[in-house]
Amino acid sequence: MPFSAGDRVFVDESKSGGYYIAAAATASTDVASIERRLRGLRAGGRSAIHFNDESKRRDQLIRALCELEVRVHVYVMRRARDTVARPALLRALVADLIDGGAADLTLERDASLEAADRRVIRGELDRLGALTRLKYGHRGRTEQPMLWIADAVAWCEQKGGVWPQKVAPIVARRVVIDPP
């Protein structure tokens, strides 16, 4: 089972060289302490950690992330338009969340995608007969530090080379979905 009962899950994506969704999961009881540790990792008065902007501290940040009580599930689709890949990956993610009994899904806010995300998520929940089993919504990067973990893993996965191995200790699962 990819997720655990009661998990809170935080999602970000990378769209370079394919579409990558990283879903960082942790027990509800661990979120507050992880958020405190993440806030302590910010540099130079920044309001958030965005892995694309962390060229000098990536290794240090990865080591710190790998010490956290978090599991990340990565969903990948290559050779497909974003408008095809994102909905397909979200449907797979939602099905896994319901299968595992996760309680809450938070996606990084992108105003241009929110309405479509809500339609896809609600549609999948309806298909699964699980409309009331998962709370979901969007939050900004500066509002929710747990999104920073998903951002880092998505960046590492899309970058390839040695980067996926560096985050391997917290990557619980990789799901590759073929384009339709």
C-alpha atoms as a PDB file:
ATOM      1  CA  MET A   1       0.000   0.000   0.000  1.00  0.00           C
ATOM      2  CA  PRO A   2       1.619   3.246  -1.087  1.00  0.00           C
ATOM      3  CA  PHE A   3       0.073   5.573   1.512  1.00  0.00           C
ATOM      4  CA  SER A   4      -0.958   5.000   5.116  1.00  0.00           C
ATOM      5  CA  ALA A   5      -4.220   5.648   6.908  1.00  0.00           C
ATOM      6  CA  GLY A   6      -4.464   9.250   8.033  1.00  0.00           C
ATOM      7  CA  ASP A   7      -1.499  10.486   5.987  1.00  0.00           C
ATOM      8  CA  ARG A   8      -1.316  14.121   5.035  1.00  0.00           C
ATOM      9  CA  VAL A   9       0.106  14.468   1.538  1.00  0.00           C
ATOM     10  CA  PHE A  10       1.727  17.509  -0.098  1.00  0.00           C
ATOM     11  CA  VAL A  11       2.220  17.741  -3.867  1.00  0.00           C
ATOM     12  CA  ASP A  12       4.408  19.737  -6.217  1.00  0.00           C
ATOM     13  CA  GLU A  13       5.482  19.068  -9.766  1.00  0.00           C
ATOM     14  CA  SER A  14       8.263  19.558 -12.273  1.00  0.00           C
ATOM     15  CA  LYS A  15       7.554  19.860 -15.970  1.00  0.00           C
ATOM     16  CA  SER A  16      11.021  19.551 -17.468  1.00  0.00           C
ATOM     17  CA  GLY A  17      11.806  16.456 -19.531  1.00  0.00           C
ATOM     18  CA  GLY A  18       8.426  14.940 -18.723  1.00  0.00           C
ATOM     19  CA  TYR A  19       5.839  15.605 -16.051  1.00  0.00           C
ATOM     20  CA  TYR A  20       6.762  14.678 -12.489  1.00  0.00           C
ATOM     21  CA  ILE A  21       4.442  14.848  -9.513  1.00  0.00           C
ATOM     22  CA  ALA A  22       6.048  14.317  -6.121  1.00  0.00           C
ATOM     23  CA  ALA A  23       3.719  13.549  -3.222  1.00  0.00           C
ATOM     24  CA  ALA A  24       5.340  13.927   0.209  1.00  0.00           C
ATOM     25  CA  ALA A  25       3.416  11.974   2.842  1.00  0.00           C
ATOM     26  CA  THR A  26       3.640  11.962   6.612  1.00  0.00           C
ATOM     27  CA  ALA A  27       1.483  11.179   9.598  1.00  0.00           C
ATOM     28  CA  SER A  28      -0.749  14.050  10.723  1.00  0.00           C
ATOM     29  CA  THR A  29       0.992  14.065  14.095  1.00  0.00           C
ATOM     30  CA  ASP A  30       4.392  14.723  12.474  1.00  0.00           C
ATOM     31  CA  VAL A  31       3.466  17.723  10.299  1.00  0.00           C
ATOM     32  CA  ALA A  32       4.028  20.502  12.858  1.00  0.00           C
ATOM     33  CA  SER A  33       7.485  19.301  13.906  1.00  0.00           C
ATOM     34  CA  ILE A  34       8.566  18.778  10.299  1.00  0.00           C
ATOM     35  CA  GLU A  35       7.337  22.259   9.367  1.00  0.00           C
ATOM     36  CA  ARG A  36       9.421  23.765  12.193  1.00  0.00           C
ATOM     37  CA  ARG A  37      12.523  21.959  10.957  1.00  0.00           C
ATOM     38  CA  LEU A  38      11.866  23.041   7.378  1.00  0.00           C
ATOM     39  CA  ARG A  39      11.442  26.685   8.334  1.00  0.00           C
ATOM     40  CA  GLY A  40      14.812  26.478  10.062  1.00  0.00           C
ATOM     41  CA  LEU A  41      16.406  25.435   6.772  1.00  0.00           C
ATOM     42  CA  ARG A  42      15.485  28.639   4.934  1.00  0.00           C
ATOM     43  CA  ALA A  43      18.409  30.842   3.989  1.00  0.00           C
ATOM     44  CA  GLY A  44      18.896  34.582   3.911  1.00  0.00           C
ATOM     45  CA  GLY A  45      15.463  35.621   5.111  1.00  0.00           C
ATOM     46  CA  ARG A  46      13.691  33.773   2.301  1.00  0.00           C
ATOM     47  CA  SER A  47      10.036  32.957   2.808  1.00  0.00           C
ATOM     48  CA  ALA A  48      10.334  29.484   1.260  1.00  0.00           C
ATOM     49  CA  ILE A  49      12.705  26.907  -0.128  1.00  0.00           C
ATOM     50  CA  HIS A  50      12.488  26.492  -3.894  1.00  0.00           C
ATOM     51  CA  PHE A  51      14.967  23.897  -5.107  1.00  0.00           C
ATOM     52  CA  ASN A  52      15.559  25.599  -8.426  1.00  0.00           C
ATOM     53  CA  ASP A  53      16.998  28.561  -6.503  1.00  0.00           C
ATOM     54  CA  GLU A  54      19.190  26.526  -4.136  1.00  0.00           C
ATOM     55  CA  SER A  55      22.220  25.738  -6.306  1.00  0.00           C
ATOM     56  CA  LYS A  56      24.781  26.096  -3.490  1.00  0.00           C
ATOM     57  CA  ARG A  57      22.803  24.303  -0.767  1.00  0.00           C
ATOM     58  CA  ARG A  58      21.136  21.398  -2.566  1.00  0.00           C
ATOM     59  CA  ASP A  59      23.255  18.646  -1.022  1.00  0.00           C
ATOM     60  CA  GLN A  60      22.883  20.108   2.465  1.00  0.00           C
ATOM     61  CA  LEU A  61      19.124  20.419   2.028  1.00  0.00           C
ATOM     62  CA  ILE A  62      18.772  16.874   0.691  1.00  0.00           C
ATOM     63  CA  ARG A  63      20.636  15.477   3.704  1.00  0.00           C
ATOM     64  CA  ALA A  64      18.293  17.396   6.013  1.00  0.00           C
ATOM     65  CA  LEU A  65      15.181  16.259   4.122  1.00  0.00           C
ATOM     66  CA  CYS A  66      16.296  12.642   4.268  1.00  0.00           C
ATOM     67  CA  GLU A  67      16.319  12.861   8.075  1.00  0.00           C
ATOM     68  CA  LEU A  68      12.623  13.757   8.214  1.00  0.00           C
ATOM     69  CA  GLU A  69       9.752  11.345   8.890  1.00  0.00           C
ATOM     70  CA  VAL A  70       8.435  11.601   5.358  1.00  0.00           C
ATOM     71  CA  ARG A  71       7.886   9.293   2.391  1.00  0.00           C
ATOM     72  CA  VAL A  72       7.654  10.619  -1.146  1.00  0.00           C
ATOM     73  CA  HIS A  73       5.797   8.964  -3.997  1.00  0.00           C
ATOM     74  CA  VAL A  74       6.763  10.096  -7.487  1.00  0.00           C
ATOM     75  CA  TYR A  75       4.405   9.881 -10.471  1.00  0.00           C
ATOM     76  CA  VAL A  76       5.934  10.354 -13.921  1.00  0.00           C
ATOM     77  CA  MET A  77       4.659  10.672 -17.474  1.00  0.00           C
ATOM     78  CA  ARG A  78       7.030  11.389 -20.320  1.00  0.00           C
ATOM     79  CA  ARG A  79       6.289  12.422 -23.901  1.00  0.00           C
ATOM     80  CA  ALA A  80       2.883  13.925 -23.165  1.00  0.00           C
ATOM     81  CA  ARG A  81       1.510  17.444 -23.044  1.00  0.00           C
ATOM     82  CA  ASP A  82       0.981  18.925 -19.593  1.00  0.00           C
ATOM     83  CA  THR A  83      -2.767  18.977 -20.222  1.00  0.00           C
ATOM     84  CA  VAL A  84      -2.673  15.185 -20.644  1.00  0.00           C
ATOM     85  CA  ALA A  85      -0.007  14.293 -18.095  1.00  0.00           C
ATOM     86  CA  ARG A  86      -1.193  16.263 -15.062  1.00  0.00           C
ATOM     87  CA  PRO A  87      -4.766  14.913 -14.999  1.00  0.00           C
ATOM     88  CA  ALA A  88      -3.592  11.343 -15.587  1.00  0.00           C
ATOM     89  CA  LEU A  89      -1.007  11.561 -12.805  1.00  0.00           C
ATOM     90  CA  LEU A  90      -3.465  13.213 -10.421  1.00  0.00           C
ATOM     91  CA  ARG A  91      -6.012  10.437 -11.037  1.00  0.00           C
ATOM     92  CA  ALA A  92      -3.371   7.797 -10.269  1.00  0.00           C
ATOM     93  CA  LEU A  93      -2.318   9.686  -7.142  1.00  0.00           C
ATOM     94  CA  VAL A  94      -5.897  10.082  -5.874  1.00  0.00           C
ATOM     95  CA  ALA A  95      -6.606   6.382  -6.433  1.00  0.00           C
ATOM     96  CA  ASP A  96      -3.500   5.501  -4.401  1.00  0.00           C
ATOM     97  CA  LEU A  97      -4.458   7.977  -1.660  1.00  0.00           C
ATOM     98  CA  ILE A  98      -7.890   6.408  -1.321  1.00  0.00           C
ATOM     99  CA  ASP A  99      -6.443   2.890  -1.451  1.00  0.00           C
ATOM    100  CA  GLY A 100      -4.059   3.743   1.394  1.00  0.00           C
ATOM    101  CA  GLY A 101      -6.558   5.715   3.463  1.00  0.00           C
ATOM    102  CA  ALA A 102      -4.800   9.096   3.305  1.00  0.00           C
ATOM    103  CA  ALA A 103      -6.771  11.902   4.942  1.00  0.00           C
ATOM    104  CA  ASP A 104      -5.625  15.109   3.309  1.00  0.00           C
ATOM    105  CA  LEU A 105      -4.112  16.295   0.011  1.00  0.00           C
ATOM    106  CA  THR A 106      -2.504  19.715  -0.437  1.00  0.00           C
ATOM    107  CA  LEU A 107      -1.272  20.799  -3.871  1.00  0.00           C
ATOM    108  CA  GLU A 108       0.948  23.777  -4.519  1.00  0.00           C
ATOM    109  CA  ARG A 109      -1.221  26.652  -5.674  1.00  0.00           C
ATOM    110  CA  ASP A 110      -1.137  27.573  -9.339  1.00  0.00           C
ATOM    111  CA  ALA A 111      -4.197  29.680 -10.073  1.00  0.00           C
ATOM    112  CA  SER A 112      -4.216  28.565 -13.712  1.00  0.00           C
ATOM    113  CA  LEU A 113      -4.563  24.893 -12.679  1.00  0.00           C
ATOM    114  CA  GLU A 114      -6.752  24.980  -9.567  1.00  0.00           C
ATOM    115  CA  ALA A 115     -10.169  24.637 -11.215  1.00  0.00           C
ATOM    116  CA  ALA A 116      -8.972  21.806 -13.477  1.00  0.00           C
ATOM    117  CA  ASP A 117      -7.292  20.055 -10.519  1.00  0.00           C
ATOM    118  CA  ARG A 118     -10.495  20.237  -8.483  1.00  0.00           C
ATOM    119  CA  ARG A 119     -12.495  18.746 -11.385  1.00  0.00           C
ATOM    120  CA  VAL A 120      -9.999  15.902 -11.856  1.00  0.00           C
ATOM    121  CA  ILE A 121      -9.756  15.127  -8.137  1.00  0.00           C
ATOM    122  CA  ARG A 122     -13.505  15.285  -7.564  1.00  0.00           C
ATOM    123  CA  GLY A 123     -14.111  13.170 -10.672  1.00  0.00           C
ATOM    124  CA  GLU A 124     -11.711  10.486  -9.485  1.00  0.00           C
ATOM    125  CA  LEU A 125     -13.140  10.535  -5.972  1.00  0.00           C
ATOM    126  CA  ASP A 126     -16.643  10.189  -7.440  1.00  0.00           C
ATOM    127  CA  ARG A 127     -15.514   7.314  -9.674  1.00  0.00           C
ATOM    128  CA  LEU A 128     -14.077   5.562  -6.614  1.00  0.00           C
ATOM    129  CA  GLY A 129     -17.176   6.232  -4.497  1.00  0.00           C
ATOM    130  CA  ALA A 130     -14.986   8.200  -2.082  1.00  0.00           C
ATOM    131  CA  LEU A 131     -16.220  11.798  -2.252  1.00  0.00           C
ATOM    132  CA  THR A 132     -16.092  12.253   1.524  1.00  0.00           C
ATOM    133  CA  ARG A 133     -12.908  10.292   2.225  1.00  0.00           C
ATOM    134  CA  LEU A 134     -10.254  12.830   1.206  1.00  0.00           C
ATOM    135  CA  LYS A 135      -9.943  16.495   2.067  1.00  0.00           C
ATOM    136  CA  TYR A 136      -8.061  18.430  -0.640  1.00  0.00           C
ATOM    137  CA  GLY A 137      -7.046  21.932  -1.590  1.00  0.00           C
ATOM    138  CA  HIS A 138      -4.312  24.240  -2.836  1.00  0.00           C
ATOM    139  CA  ARG A 139      -1.883  26.336  -0.792  1.00  0.00           C
ATOM    140  CA  GLY A 140       0.985  28.620  -1.683  1.00  0.00           C
ATOM    141  CA  ARG A 141       4.617  27.642  -1.236  1.00  0.00           C
ATOM    142  CA  THR A 142       5.123  30.258   1.467  1.00  0.00           C
ATOM    143  CA  GLU A 143       2.033  29.053   3.355  1.00  0.00           C
ATOM    144  CA  GLN A 144       2.947  25.368   3.529  1.00  0.00           C
ATOM    145  CA  PRO A 145       6.556  24.276   4.120  1.00  0.00           C
ATOM    146  CA  MET A 146       5.730  20.604   3.483  1.00  0.00           C
ATOM    147  CA  LEU A 147       5.427  21.534  -0.192  1.00  0.00           C
ATOM    148  CA  TRP A 148       9.171  22.238  -0.179  1.00  0.00           C
ATOM    149  CA  ILE A 149       9.902  18.525   0.221  1.00  0.00           C
ATOM    150  CA  ALA A 150       7.801  17.660  -2.819  1.00  0.00           C
ATOM    151  CA  ASP A 151       9.462  20.481  -4.765  1.00  0.00           C
ATOM    152  CA  ALA A 152      12.948  19.172  -3.944  1.00  0.00           C
ATOM    153  CA  VAL A 153      12.170  15.581  -4.884  1.00  0.00           C
ATOM    154  CA  ALA A 154      10.387  16.550  -8.110  1.00  0.00           C
ATOM    155  CA  TRP A 155      13.386  18.693  -9.068  1.00  0.00           C
ATOM    156  CA  CYS A 156      15.849  15.861  -8.337  1.00  0.00           C
ATOM    157  CA  GLU A 157      13.794  13.290 -10.232  1.00  0.00           C
ATOM    158  CA  GLN A 158      13.477  15.421 -13.366  1.00  0.00           C
ATOM    159  CA  LYS A 159      17.124  16.448 -13.239  1.00  0.00           C
ATOM    160  CA  GLY A 160      18.299  12.839 -13.421  1.00  0.00           C
ATOM    161  CA  GLY A 161      21.969  11.881 -13.124  1.00  0.00           C
ATOM    162  CA  VAL A 162      22.977  11.488  -9.470  1.00  0.00           C
ATOM    163  CA  TRP A 163      20.048  13.533  -8.127  1.00  0.00           C
ATOM    164  CA  PRO A 164      17.409  10.782  -7.860  1.00  0.00           C
ATOM    165  CA  GLN A 165      19.863   8.650  -5.875  1.00  0.00           C
ATOM    166  CA  LYS A 166      20.437  11.497  -3.434  1.00  0.00           C
ATOM    167  CA  VAL A 167      16.737  11.600  -2.500  1.00  0.00           C
ATOM    168  CA  ALA A 168      16.288   7.820  -2.714  1.00  0.00           C
ATOM    169  CA  PRO A 169      16.177   7.411   1.102  1.00  0.00           C
ATOM    170  CA  ILE A 170      12.816   9.212   1.218  1.00  0.00           C
ATOM    171  CA  VAL A 171      11.372   8.057  -2.117  1.00  0.00           C
ATOM    172  CA  ALA A 172       9.011   5.218  -1.268  1.00  0.00           C
ATOM    173  CA  ARG A 173       7.741   4.585  -4.769  1.00  0.00           C
ATOM    174  CA  ARG A 174       8.023   5.664  -8.413  1.00  0.00           C
ATOM    175  CA  VAL A 175       5.043   5.196 -10.694  1.00  0.00           C
ATOM    176  CA  VAL A 176       5.639   5.659 -14.411  1.00  0.00           C
ATOM    177  CA  ILE A 177       2.493   6.026 -16.468  1.00  0.00           C
ATOM    178  CA  ASP A 178       2.580   5.721 -20.245  1.00  0.00           C
ATOM    179  CA  PRO A 179       0.877   8.480 -22.194  1.00  0.00           C
ATOM    180  CA  PRO A 180      -2.425   7.526 -23.837  1.00  0.00           C
END
